[in-house]
N, C-alpha and C. Protein backbone atom coordinates (compact mmCIF):
# COMPACT_ATOMS: atom_id res chain seq x y z
N MET A 1 7.48 -15.19 36.58
CA MET A 1 6.15 -15.36 35.46
C MET A 1 5.31 -14.18 35.26
N PRO A 2 4.36 -14.69 34.12
CA PRO A 2 3.49 -12.80 33.43
C PRO A 2 2.30 -14.68 34.11
N ALA A 3 0.76 -13.22 34.18
CA ALA A 3 -0.01 -14.24 34.29
C ALA A 3 -1.03 -14.70 33.31
N PRO A 4 -1.33 -15.92 33.77
CA PRO A 4 -2.34 -16.10 31.80
C PRO A 4 -3.00 -15.05 30.77
N SER A 5 -3.40 -13.81 31.57
CA SER A 5 -3.85 -12.86 31.67
C SER A 5 -3.48 -11.86 30.84
N ASP A 6 -1.79 -11.79 31.44
CA ASP A 6 -0.67 -11.23 30.53
C ASP A 6 -0.19 -11.52 29.49
N ALA A 7 -0.45 -13.05 29.60
CA ALA A 7 -0.09 -13.50 28.11
C ALA A 7 -0.65 -13.95 27.22
N GLN A 8 -1.67 -13.81 27.61
CA GLN A 8 -2.76 -14.11 25.86
C GLN A 8 -2.57 -12.66 25.02
N PRO A 9 -2.42 -11.40 25.26
CA PRO A 9 -2.51 -11.06 24.46
C PRO A 9 -1.68 -10.30 23.54
N ASP A 10 -0.78 -11.16 23.58
CA ASP A 10 0.52 -11.66 23.41
C ASP A 10 0.46 -12.49 22.45
N ARG A 11 0.09 -13.50 23.04
CA ARG A 11 0.00 -14.66 21.54
C ARG A 11 -0.82 -14.54 20.64
N ASN A 12 -1.90 -13.74 21.00
CA ASN A 12 -2.69 -13.41 19.90
C ASN A 12 -2.19 -12.57 19.04
N ALA A 13 -1.19 -11.49 19.58
CA ALA A 13 -0.76 -10.95 18.94
C ALA A 13 -0.12 -11.20 18.22
N VAL A 14 0.81 -12.31 18.45
CA VAL A 14 1.65 -13.39 17.33
C VAL A 14 0.55 -14.35 16.29
N ARG A 15 -0.07 -14.52 16.88
CA ARG A 15 -1.36 -15.09 15.57
C ARG A 15 -1.78 -14.27 14.92
N ARG A 16 -2.27 -12.81 15.33
CA ARG A 16 -2.96 -11.81 14.31
C ARG A 16 -1.99 -11.30 13.32
N ARG A 17 -0.51 -11.38 13.73
CA ARG A 17 -0.07 -10.82 12.70
C ARG A 17 1.05 -12.53 11.86
N ALA A 18 0.61 -13.37 12.03
CA ALA A 18 0.79 -14.57 11.18
C ALA A 18 -0.13 -15.05 10.35
N MET A 19 -0.99 -14.63 9.90
CA MET A 19 -2.30 -14.54 9.47
C MET A 19 -2.17 -13.50 8.82
N LEU A 20 -2.30 -12.19 9.51
CA LEU A 20 -2.08 -11.48 8.21
C LEU A 20 -1.11 -11.38 7.36
N ASP A 21 0.13 -11.99 7.55
CA ASP A 21 1.03 -12.29 6.90
C ASP A 21 0.36 -13.40 5.77
N ALA A 22 0.19 -14.12 6.28
CA ALA A 22 -0.57 -15.29 5.41
C ALA A 22 -1.63 -15.08 4.13
N GLY A 23 -2.61 -13.64 4.98
CA GLY A 23 -3.75 -13.12 4.49
C GLY A 23 -2.47 -12.52 2.79
N VAL A 24 -1.68 -11.84 3.32
CA VAL A 24 -0.80 -10.88 1.97
C VAL A 24 -1.00 -11.99 1.00
N GLY A 25 -0.14 -13.72 1.44
CA GLY A 25 0.20 -14.50 0.29
C GLY A 25 -1.05 -14.99 -0.30
N LEU A 26 -2.82 -14.71 0.65
CA LEU A 26 -3.87 -15.25 -0.58
C LEU A 26 -4.37 -13.77 -1.53
N LEU A 27 -4.19 -13.20 -0.62
CA LEU A 27 -4.75 -12.04 -1.26
C LEU A 27 -4.10 -11.45 -2.64
N GLY A 28 -2.87 -11.62 -2.09
CA GLY A 28 -1.52 -11.04 -3.34
C GLY A 28 -1.32 -12.25 -4.22
N ALA A 29 -2.32 -13.42 -4.60
CA ALA A 29 -1.59 -14.63 -5.14
C ALA A 29 -2.23 -14.15 -6.49
N ILE A 30 -0.81 -14.10 -7.74
CA ILE A 30 -1.06 -13.89 -8.46
C ILE A 30 -2.77 -14.03 -9.73
N GLU A 31 -3.41 -15.52 -8.97
CA GLU A 31 -4.16 -15.80 -9.61
C GLU A 31 -5.46 -14.97 -8.34
N GLY A 32 -5.08 -13.56 -7.82
CA GLY A 32 -6.18 -13.47 -6.99
C GLY A 32 -7.07 -14.79 -6.11
N GLY A 33 -5.53 -15.38 -5.60
CA GLY A 33 -6.80 -16.79 -4.16
C GLY A 33 -7.06 -15.91 -3.59
N ALA A 34 -7.89 -17.48 -3.39
CA ALA A 34 -9.29 -18.08 -2.25
C ALA A 34 -8.72 -17.61 -1.07
N VAL A 35 -9.64 -16.35 -0.63
CA VAL A 35 -9.07 -15.97 1.04
C VAL A 35 -10.46 -17.16 0.99
N ASN A 36 -9.85 -17.30 2.55
CA ASN A 36 -11.03 -18.62 3.41
C ASN A 36 -10.88 -18.92 4.66
N VAL A 37 -11.00 -18.54 5.04
CA VAL A 37 -10.77 -19.19 6.56
C VAL A 37 -9.71 -20.24 7.16
N ARG A 38 -10.26 -21.48 5.69
CA ARG A 38 -9.61 -22.88 6.37
C ARG A 38 -8.39 -22.60 5.76
N ALA A 39 -7.83 -21.80 4.52
CA ALA A 39 -7.12 -21.62 3.71
C ALA A 39 -6.23 -20.67 5.29
N VAL A 40 -6.18 -19.61 5.82
CA VAL A 40 -5.30 -19.10 6.65
C VAL A 40 -5.01 -20.29 8.09
N CYS A 41 -5.87 -20.96 8.53
CA CYS A 41 -5.49 -21.80 9.58
C CYS A 41 -4.53 -22.81 9.22
N ARG A 42 -5.02 -23.10 7.66
CA ARG A 42 -3.76 -24.54 7.43
C ARG A 42 -2.57 -22.96 7.55
N SER A 43 -2.78 -22.78 6.59
CA SER A 43 -1.18 -22.26 6.55
C SER A 43 -0.34 -21.49 7.64
N THR A 44 -1.30 -21.69 8.68
CA THR A 44 -0.57 -20.86 9.91
C THR A 44 -0.32 -21.97 11.27
N GLY A 45 -1.24 -23.23 10.96
CA GLY A 45 -1.11 -23.76 12.25
C GLY A 45 -1.79 -22.83 12.90
N VAL A 46 -3.29 -22.48 13.43
CA VAL A 46 -3.78 -20.93 13.80
C VAL A 46 -5.24 -21.58 13.95
N THR A 47 -5.55 -21.84 14.89
CA THR A 47 -7.42 -22.44 14.46
C THR A 47 -8.56 -22.12 14.54
N GLU A 48 -9.81 -22.25 14.11
CA GLU A 48 -10.25 -21.64 13.54
C GLU A 48 -11.11 -20.24 14.60
N ARG A 49 -11.24 -21.20 16.49
CA ARG A 49 -11.39 -21.41 17.35
C ARG A 49 -10.95 -19.23 17.20
N TYR A 50 -9.32 -19.43 16.90
CA TYR A 50 -8.29 -18.20 17.52
C TYR A 50 -8.62 -16.99 16.00
N PHE A 51 -9.52 -17.47 15.14
CA PHE A 51 -8.94 -16.66 13.11
C PHE A 51 -10.45 -16.24 13.66
N TYR A 52 -11.62 -16.79 14.37
CA TYR A 52 -12.71 -15.98 14.49
C TYR A 52 -12.68 -14.80 15.76
N GLU A 53 -11.97 -15.68 16.41
CA GLU A 53 -11.88 -14.31 18.06
C GLU A 53 -10.68 -12.94 18.06
N ILE A 54 -10.04 -13.43 16.88
CA ILE A 54 -9.51 -11.53 16.87
C ILE A 54 -10.11 -10.80 15.71
N PHE A 55 -10.69 -12.01 15.04
CA PHE A 55 -10.54 -11.17 13.36
C PHE A 55 -12.28 -11.06 13.50
N GLY A 56 -13.27 -11.61 13.93
CA GLY A 56 -14.24 -11.65 13.14
C GLY A 56 -14.73 -12.66 12.31
N ASN A 57 -15.01 -12.53 10.90
CA ASN A 57 -15.03 -12.88 9.63
C ASN A 57 -14.30 -12.92 8.77
N ARG A 58 -14.78 -13.60 7.76
CA ARG A 58 -13.51 -13.22 6.84
C ARG A 58 -13.51 -12.08 6.12
N ASP A 59 -14.34 -11.37 6.27
CA ASP A 59 -14.91 -9.94 5.39
C ASP A 59 -13.58 -8.83 6.51
N ASP A 60 -13.52 -9.28 7.03
CA ASP A 60 -13.13 -8.15 8.35
C ASP A 60 -11.21 -8.64 8.39
N PHE A 61 -11.25 -10.04 8.31
CA PHE A 61 -9.55 -10.38 8.55
C PHE A 61 -9.44 -9.85 6.67
N VAL A 62 -9.94 -10.14 5.35
CA VAL A 62 -9.86 -9.08 3.99
C VAL A 62 -9.13 -7.79 4.19
N ARG A 63 -10.10 -7.44 5.08
CA ARG A 63 -9.96 -5.40 5.14
C ARG A 63 -8.74 -5.39 6.27
N ALA A 64 -8.83 -6.07 6.94
CA ALA A 64 -7.43 -6.15 8.12
C ALA A 64 -5.89 -5.91 7.47
N VAL A 65 -6.33 -7.24 6.36
CA VAL A 65 -4.72 -7.60 5.53
C VAL A 65 -4.42 -6.51 4.95
N PHE A 66 -5.77 -5.86 4.37
CA PHE A 66 -5.75 -4.60 3.52
C PHE A 66 -5.17 -3.41 4.04
N GLU A 67 -5.63 -2.98 4.82
CA GLU A 67 -5.06 -1.94 6.21
C GLU A 67 -3.60 -2.24 6.66
N ASP A 68 -3.29 -3.49 6.84
CA ASP A 68 -1.86 -3.41 7.45
C ASP A 68 -1.12 -3.52 6.15
N VAL A 69 -1.29 -3.93 5.18
CA VAL A 69 -0.63 -3.08 3.26
C VAL A 69 -0.27 -1.56 3.68
N THR A 70 -1.43 -0.90 3.48
CA THR A 70 -2.07 0.14 3.27
C THR A 70 -0.93 1.20 4.26
N ALA A 71 -0.87 0.57 5.97
CA ALA A 71 -0.08 1.09 6.70
C ALA A 71 1.22 1.08 5.87
N GLN A 72 1.74 0.06 5.97
CA GLN A 72 3.40 -0.21 5.29
C GLN A 72 3.50 0.80 4.41
N ALA A 73 2.80 1.12 3.77
CA ALA A 73 3.25 2.06 2.13
C ALA A 73 2.98 3.31 2.98
N ARG A 74 1.74 4.03 3.95
CA ARG A 74 1.98 5.29 4.33
C ARG A 74 3.17 5.57 5.18
N VAL A 75 3.93 4.80 5.79
CA VAL A 75 4.73 4.64 6.53
C VAL A 75 6.64 4.41 5.90
N ALA A 76 6.21 4.28 4.79
CA ALA A 76 7.22 3.93 3.44
C ALA A 76 7.83 6.02 2.83
N LEU A 77 6.36 6.19 2.54
CA LEU A 77 6.20 7.26 2.03
C LEU A 77 6.73 8.41 2.87
N VAL A 78 6.22 8.28 3.58
CA VAL A 78 6.23 9.69 5.19
C VAL A 78 7.74 9.40 5.21
N GLU A 79 8.42 7.92 5.77
CA GLU A 79 9.83 8.11 5.93
C GLU A 79 10.33 9.29 4.76
N ALA A 80 10.36 8.38 3.09
CA ALA A 80 11.12 9.09 1.64
C ALA A 80 11.05 10.51 2.39
N ALA A 81 9.10 11.25 2.49
CA ALA A 81 9.21 12.81 1.65
C ALA A 81 9.92 13.06 3.11
N GLU A 82 10.52 12.78 4.71
CA GLU A 82 11.12 13.19 5.31
C GLU A 82 13.02 13.40 5.23
N SER A 83 13.68 13.00 4.07
CA SER A 83 14.59 12.59 3.83
C SER A 83 15.42 13.61 3.32
N GLY A 84 14.40 14.82 2.88
CA GLY A 84 15.21 16.33 2.93
C GLY A 84 15.83 16.05 1.47
N GLY A 85 16.36 16.86 0.37
CA GLY A 85 17.39 16.98 -0.68
C GLY A 85 16.01 17.73 -1.74
N ASP A 86 15.87 18.08 -3.17
CA ASP A 86 15.09 18.72 -3.58
C ASP A 86 14.68 17.61 -4.13
N TYR A 87 13.89 18.12 -4.92
CA TYR A 87 12.23 17.63 -5.29
C TYR A 87 12.28 16.11 -6.20
N ARG A 88 13.18 16.03 -7.10
CA ARG A 88 13.61 15.36 -7.73
C ARG A 88 13.91 14.60 -6.52
N ALA A 89 15.57 14.20 -5.67
CA ALA A 89 16.32 13.76 -4.47
C ALA A 89 14.76 13.05 -3.41
N LEU A 90 13.24 14.08 -3.21
CA LEU A 90 12.27 13.64 -2.71
C LEU A 90 11.50 12.69 -3.81
N ALA A 91 11.62 12.64 -4.86
CA ALA A 91 10.60 11.52 -6.13
C ALA A 91 11.33 10.67 -6.24
N SER A 92 12.97 10.41 -5.85
CA SER A 92 13.34 9.41 -6.19
C SER A 92 13.20 8.41 -4.84
N ALA A 93 13.44 8.81 -3.55
CA ALA A 93 13.19 8.55 -2.44
C ALA A 93 11.80 7.51 -2.45
N ALA A 94 10.87 8.81 -2.87
CA ALA A 94 9.69 7.97 -2.41
C ALA A 94 9.31 6.64 -3.97
N VAL A 95 9.53 7.00 -4.71
CA VAL A 95 9.45 6.01 -6.02
C VAL A 95 10.60 4.96 -5.08
N ASP A 96 11.35 5.29 -4.47
CA ASP A 96 11.92 3.94 -4.67
C ASP A 96 11.14 2.36 -3.23
N ALA A 97 10.89 3.84 -2.32
CA ALA A 97 9.95 3.16 -1.28
C ALA A 97 9.08 2.25 -1.57
N PHE A 98 8.13 3.74 -2.44
CA PHE A 98 7.36 2.24 -2.90
C PHE A 98 7.23 1.03 -3.50
N VAL A 99 8.45 1.27 -4.48
CA VAL A 99 8.51 0.39 -5.25
C VAL A 99 9.49 -1.00 -4.72
N SER A 100 10.03 -0.33 -3.42
CA SER A 100 10.19 -1.56 -2.45
C SER A 100 9.71 -2.64 -1.78
N LEU A 101 7.98 -1.73 -1.30
CA LEU A 101 7.09 -2.36 -0.65
C LEU A 101 6.22 -3.10 -1.92
N VAL A 102 5.72 -2.44 -3.41
CA VAL A 102 4.62 -3.42 -4.08
C VAL A 102 5.35 -3.69 -4.63
N ILE A 103 6.69 -3.42 -5.65
CA ILE A 103 7.31 -4.39 -6.58
C ILE A 103 8.34 -5.41 -6.44
N ASP A 104 9.01 -4.99 -5.56
CA ASP A 104 10.26 -6.36 -5.18
C ASP A 104 9.39 -7.26 -4.10
N SER A 105 8.31 -6.91 -3.40
CA SER A 105 7.11 -8.19 -2.52
C SER A 105 5.99 -7.55 -3.65
N PRO A 106 5.61 -8.73 -4.04
CA PRO A 106 4.67 -8.33 -5.85
C PRO A 106 3.73 -8.41 -4.71
N GLU A 107 2.97 -9.55 -3.47
CA GLU A 107 2.14 -9.99 -2.95
C GLU A 107 1.86 -8.71 -2.84
N LYS A 108 2.23 -8.13 -1.69
CA LYS A 108 1.99 -6.82 -0.63
C LYS A 108 1.45 -6.05 -1.92
N GLY A 109 1.91 -5.45 -3.21
CA GLY A 109 1.44 -4.89 -4.20
C GLY A 109 0.57 -5.18 -5.21
N ARG A 110 0.20 -6.19 -5.09
CA ARG A 110 -0.99 -7.03 -5.47
C ARG A 110 -2.68 -6.73 -4.56
N VAL A 111 -2.16 -6.43 -3.13
CA VAL A 111 -2.83 -6.33 -2.18
C VAL A 111 -3.71 -5.15 -1.99
N LEU A 112 -2.55 -4.18 -2.58
CA LEU A 112 -2.76 -2.75 -2.56
C LEU A 112 -3.31 -2.39 -3.56
N MET A 113 -2.85 -3.11 -4.80
CA MET A 113 -3.17 -2.47 -5.99
C MET A 113 -4.35 -2.98 -6.65
N LEU A 114 -4.06 -4.35 -6.89
CA LEU A 114 -4.97 -4.97 -7.37
C LEU A 114 -6.31 -5.97 -6.57
N ALA A 115 -6.64 -6.14 -5.37
CA ALA A 115 -7.34 -6.60 -4.49
C ALA A 115 -8.88 -5.59 -4.49
N PRO A 116 -8.35 -4.30 -4.61
CA PRO A 116 -9.54 -4.00 -4.50
C PRO A 116 -10.36 -3.49 -5.27
N TYR A 117 -9.73 -4.56 -6.38
CA TYR A 117 -10.57 -4.99 -8.19
C TYR A 117 -11.02 -6.10 -7.79
N ARG A 118 -10.05 -7.07 -7.05
CA ARG A 118 -11.23 -8.43 -7.22
C ARG A 118 -12.22 -8.52 -5.63
N GLU A 119 -11.66 -8.19 -4.45
CA GLU A 119 -12.58 -8.30 -3.43
C GLU A 119 -13.70 -6.88 -3.12
N GLN A 120 -14.47 -7.00 -3.41
CA GLN A 120 -15.91 -6.13 -3.13
C GLN A 120 -15.86 -5.89 -1.38
N VAL A 121 -15.47 -6.48 -0.77
CA VAL A 121 -15.77 -5.30 0.47
C VAL A 121 -14.20 -4.82 0.70
N LEU A 122 -13.69 -4.60 -0.29
CA LEU A 122 -12.33 -3.18 -0.32
C LEU A 122 -12.55 -2.34 -1.22
N VAL A 123 -13.82 -2.06 -2.43
CA VAL A 123 -14.04 -1.43 -3.11
C VAL A 123 -13.51 0.21 -2.18
N GLU A 124 -14.40 0.06 -1.23
CA GLU A 124 -15.06 1.66 -0.39
C GLU A 124 -13.72 1.30 0.19
N VAL A 125 -13.43 0.74 1.08
CA VAL A 125 -12.11 1.17 2.04
C VAL A 125 -10.90 1.48 0.78
N GLY A 126 -10.79 0.83 -0.68
CA GLY A 126 -9.67 1.88 -0.93
C GLY A 126 -10.12 3.08 -1.34
N LEU A 127 -10.87 3.03 -1.60
CA LEU A 127 -11.16 4.63 -1.50
C LEU A 127 -10.91 5.91 -0.88
N GLY A 128 -11.69 5.33 0.19
CA GLY A 128 -11.59 5.90 1.92
C GLY A 128 -9.44 6.56 1.94
N HIS A 129 -9.07 5.65 1.68
CA HIS A 129 -7.50 5.71 2.00
C HIS A 129 -7.10 6.82 0.98
N GLN A 130 -7.88 6.55 -0.69
CA GLN A 130 -6.74 7.53 -1.62
C GLN A 130 -6.49 9.07 -1.12
N PRO A 131 -7.39 9.81 -0.40
CA PRO A 131 -7.25 11.31 0.34
C PRO A 131 -5.79 11.18 0.50
N GLU A 132 -5.34 10.47 1.73
CA GLU A 132 -4.17 9.96 2.62
C GLU A 132 -3.37 10.54 1.15
N PHE A 133 -2.97 9.67 0.36
CA PHE A 133 -1.90 9.25 -0.64
C PHE A 133 -2.04 10.63 -1.57
N PHE A 134 -3.63 11.60 -1.54
CA PHE A 134 -3.45 12.74 -2.20
C PHE A 134 -2.60 14.04 -1.60
N ASP A 135 -2.57 13.70 -0.16
CA ASP A 135 -2.41 14.97 0.95
C ASP A 135 -0.96 14.42 0.49
N LEU A 136 -0.36 13.19 0.84
CA LEU A 136 0.95 13.47 0.83
C LEU A 136 1.90 13.22 -0.23
N VAL A 137 1.07 13.52 -1.72
CA VAL A 137 1.82 13.80 -2.85
C VAL A 137 1.54 15.23 -2.77
N ALA A 138 0.94 16.21 -2.21
CA ALA A 138 0.41 17.60 -2.63
C ALA A 138 1.90 18.16 -1.64
N THR A 139 1.69 17.67 -0.41
CA THR A 139 2.95 17.92 0.97
C THR A 139 4.04 18.38 0.27
N ALA A 140 4.54 17.05 -0.79
CA ALA A 140 5.99 17.69 -0.90
C ALA A 140 6.58 18.12 -2.75
N PHE A 141 4.82 18.91 -3.14
CA PHE A 141 5.42 19.92 -3.99
C PHE A 141 5.87 21.10 -2.71
N GLN A 142 6.98 22.20 -3.56
CA GLN A 142 7.65 22.81 -3.35
C GLN A 142 6.76 24.38 -2.62
N GLY A 143 7.21 25.63 -1.38
CA GLY A 143 6.21 26.06 -0.60
C GLY A 143 5.90 26.59 -1.84
N ASP A 144 5.89 26.98 -2.85
CA ASP A 144 5.60 28.28 -3.15
C ASP A 144 4.64 28.16 -3.93
N VAL A 145 4.19 26.97 -4.55
CA VAL A 145 3.27 26.02 -5.42
C VAL A 145 1.94 26.21 -5.30
N ALA A 146 0.92 27.03 -6.17
CA ALA A 146 -0.17 27.20 -5.19
C ALA A 146 -0.88 25.67 -4.44
N GLU A 147 -2.31 26.62 -3.59
CA GLU A 147 -2.02 25.65 -3.20
C GLU A 147 -3.76 24.91 -4.16
N ASP A 148 -4.13 25.03 -5.04
CA ASP A 148 -5.42 24.78 -6.55
C ASP A 148 -4.05 24.04 -6.96
N ALA A 149 -3.12 24.35 -6.98
CA ALA A 149 -2.52 23.52 -8.42
C ALA A 149 -1.60 22.16 -7.32
N ARG A 150 -1.76 21.93 -6.23
CA ARG A 150 -0.85 21.13 -4.96
C ARG A 150 -1.98 20.05 -5.36
N ARG A 151 -3.72 20.21 -5.82
CA ARG A 151 -4.64 19.33 -4.97
C ARG A 151 -4.48 18.60 -6.70
N LEU A 152 -4.96 19.52 -7.34
CA LEU A 152 -5.05 19.08 -8.55
C LEU A 152 -4.09 17.83 -9.37
N LEU A 153 -2.87 18.55 -8.61
CA LEU A 153 -1.19 17.44 -9.22
C LEU A 153 -0.99 16.23 -8.54
N SER A 154 -1.85 16.34 -7.35
CA SER A 154 -1.79 15.02 -6.22
C SER A 154 -3.22 14.01 -7.17
N VAL A 155 -4.04 14.11 -7.09
CA VAL A 155 -4.59 13.85 -7.77
C VAL A 155 -4.30 12.97 -8.54
N GLU A 156 -3.94 14.23 -10.13
CA GLU A 156 -3.25 13.58 -11.09
C GLU A 156 -2.37 12.22 -10.94
N LEU A 157 -1.65 12.87 -10.01
CA LEU A 157 -0.27 11.82 -9.96
C LEU A 157 -0.54 10.82 -9.34
N VAL A 158 -1.72 10.64 -8.32
CA VAL A 158 -2.06 9.13 -7.78
C VAL A 158 -2.28 8.91 -8.63
N GLY A 159 -3.59 9.07 -9.40
CA GLY A 159 -4.21 8.69 -10.60
C GLY A 159 -2.94 7.77 -11.81
N ALA A 160 -1.85 8.60 -12.00
CA ALA A 160 -1.32 7.59 -12.96
C ALA A 160 -0.39 6.67 -12.71
N LEU A 161 0.49 7.06 -10.96
CA LEU A 161 0.91 5.99 -10.57
C LEU A 161 -0.03 4.90 -10.27
N THR A 162 -1.18 5.16 -9.94
CA THR A 162 -1.69 3.81 -9.28
C THR A 162 -2.50 3.14 -10.92
N ALA A 163 -2.00 3.79 -11.92
CA ALA A 163 -2.55 3.13 -13.39
C ALA A 163 -1.18 2.32 -13.62
N LEU A 164 -0.09 2.97 -13.43
CA LEU A 164 1.24 2.30 -13.49
C LEU A 164 1.80 0.78 -12.64
N PHE A 165 1.35 1.48 -11.71
CA PHE A 165 1.95 0.03 -11.33
C PHE A 165 0.70 -1.23 -10.99
N THR A 166 -0.84 -0.93 -11.31
CA THR A 166 -1.76 -1.92 -11.70
C THR A 166 -1.26 -2.73 -12.52
N GLN A 167 -1.08 -1.84 -13.12
CA GLN A 167 -1.14 -2.50 -14.91
C GLN A 167 0.33 -3.09 -14.62
N PHE A 168 1.79 -3.04 -14.23
CA PHE A 168 2.90 -3.74 -13.99
C PHE A 168 2.68 -4.49 -13.23
N LEU A 169 1.76 -4.89 -11.83
CA LEU A 169 1.51 -5.91 -11.39
C LEU A 169 0.64 -7.11 -12.13
N GLY A 170 -0.18 -6.01 -12.78
CA GLY A 170 -0.71 -7.47 -13.59
C GLY A 170 -0.53 -8.03 -14.32
N GLY A 171 1.28 -7.47 -14.93
CA GLY A 171 1.81 -8.51 -16.63
C GLY A 171 1.31 -7.63 -17.71
N THR A 172 0.88 -6.03 -17.52
CA THR A 172 0.53 -6.04 -18.90
C THR A 172 1.18 -4.47 -19.60
N LEU A 173 2.34 -4.23 -18.52
CA LEU A 173 2.89 -3.48 -19.28
C LEU A 173 4.71 -3.98 -18.53
N ASP A 174 4.49 -3.79 -19.93
CA ASP A 174 6.04 -5.05 -20.25
C ASP A 174 7.25 -4.28 -20.52
N VAL A 175 7.52 -3.21 -19.06
CA VAL A 175 8.79 -2.64 -19.21
C VAL A 175 9.60 -3.48 -17.91
N GLY A 176 10.76 -3.55 -18.48
CA GLY A 176 11.66 -3.75 -16.59
C GLY A 176 11.53 -2.49 -15.20
N ARG A 177 12.02 -2.94 -14.41
CA ARG A 177 11.61 -2.52 -12.84
C ARG A 177 11.76 -1.05 -12.43
N ASP A 178 13.98 -1.11 -13.49
CA ASP A 178 14.31 0.32 -13.46
C ASP A 178 13.77 1.57 -14.36
N ARG A 179 13.67 0.69 -15.39
CA ARG A 179 12.51 1.94 -16.29
C ARG A 179 11.70 2.22 -15.74
N LEU A 180 10.72 1.49 -14.92
CA LEU A 180 9.99 1.86 -14.83
C LEU A 180 9.57 3.10 -13.54
N VAL A 181 10.39 2.53 -12.15
CA VAL A 181 11.23 4.00 -11.61
C VAL A 181 11.52 4.68 -12.51
N GLU A 182 12.64 5.21 -13.49
CA GLU A 182 12.96 6.57 -14.05
C GLU A 182 11.67 6.52 -14.32
N HIS A 183 10.87 6.23 -14.98
CA HIS A 183 9.91 6.83 -15.17
C HIS A 183 9.08 7.62 -14.80
N CYS A 184 8.77 7.29 -13.52
CA CYS A 184 7.68 7.38 -12.39
C CYS A 184 8.45 8.36 -11.80
N VAL A 185 9.61 9.33 -11.56
CA VAL A 185 10.28 9.43 -11.06
C VAL A 185 10.37 10.93 -11.96
N ASP A 186 10.94 11.12 -13.32
CA ASP A 186 11.13 12.11 -14.42
C ASP A 186 9.73 12.40 -14.23
N MET A 187 8.41 11.71 -14.09
CA MET A 187 6.85 12.49 -13.92
C MET A 187 6.57 13.10 -12.95
N LEU A 188 7.17 12.68 -12.50
CA LEU A 188 6.75 13.36 -10.99
C LEU A 188 7.74 15.34 -11.03
N VAL A 189 8.71 15.08 -11.25
CA VAL A 189 9.77 16.47 -11.23
C VAL A 189 9.50 16.67 -12.80
N ALA A 190 8.99 16.47 -13.36
CA ALA A 190 8.32 17.50 -14.73
C ALA A 190 7.00 18.02 -14.14
N ALA A 191 5.78 17.02 -13.22
CA ALA A 191 4.85 17.98 -12.60
C ALA A 191 5.16 18.69 -12.35
N ALA A 192 6.51 18.84 -10.75
CA ALA A 192 6.81 19.62 -10.29
C ALA A 192 7.55 21.17 -10.34
N ASP A 193 7.92 20.72 -11.82
CA ASP A 193 8.40 21.86 -13.03
C ASP A 193 7.20 22.48 -13.57
N ARG A 194 6.12 21.39 -13.48
CA ARG A 194 4.96 22.22 -14.06
C ARG A 194 4.42 23.31 -13.71
N ALA A 195 4.38 23.04 -12.02
CA ALA A 195 3.57 23.87 -11.03
C ALA A 195 3.41 25.27 -11.31
N GLY A 196 4.50 25.49 -11.12
CA GLY A 196 5.14 26.55 -10.78
C GLY A 196 4.81 27.86 -9.46
N PRO A 197 5.38 28.74 -9.11
CA PRO A 197 4.60 29.10 -8.31
C PRO A 197 3.28 29.96 -8.30
N ALA A 198 3.14 29.78 -7.00
CA ALA A 198 1.97 30.98 -6.58
C ALA A 198 1.69 31.99 -6.58
N SER A 199 0.81 32.73 -7.40
CA SER A 199 0.83 33.72 -8.39
C SER A 199 0.22 35.02 -7.21
């Protein structure tokens, strides 16, 4: 039987995971739900003592929820990029992976796409992650595309995709899921075709 000192981190890891999952539901609520310590503890059965022990304060908790969903998005896109195939196949895999995360699990989508507009503590955090996604898009272009074209296109595409998914999740883009996926893939492929080889 493990010593109490060995078991405690495991229990806290379980508590942390439960609170992060609850945080996704609260932070990703349709109306931008009120994220507060009592709501998190009430929905998980974790006492406030452990909340403060694990996260420190409410703002740090909100950041942790956002970082957790961002990490899931990053992993999904990296795995899609490693799936192989031509650029259309890569684009399809990436869009499918992202849609599965942010559209099929809309609470996660709202955390990732809408929460930075709703939560002041996430404004700089959200902006800080943008270069990571620029890099993921830039590295997906064929090797003969000029470096400056890669950078420009990656910023352009991340901006366009962010706007599309934000409007879709906010309920202001009245199209179906499949149409959204088709449009995003076509946009990525058209951008790759437009980039052309390095001169």
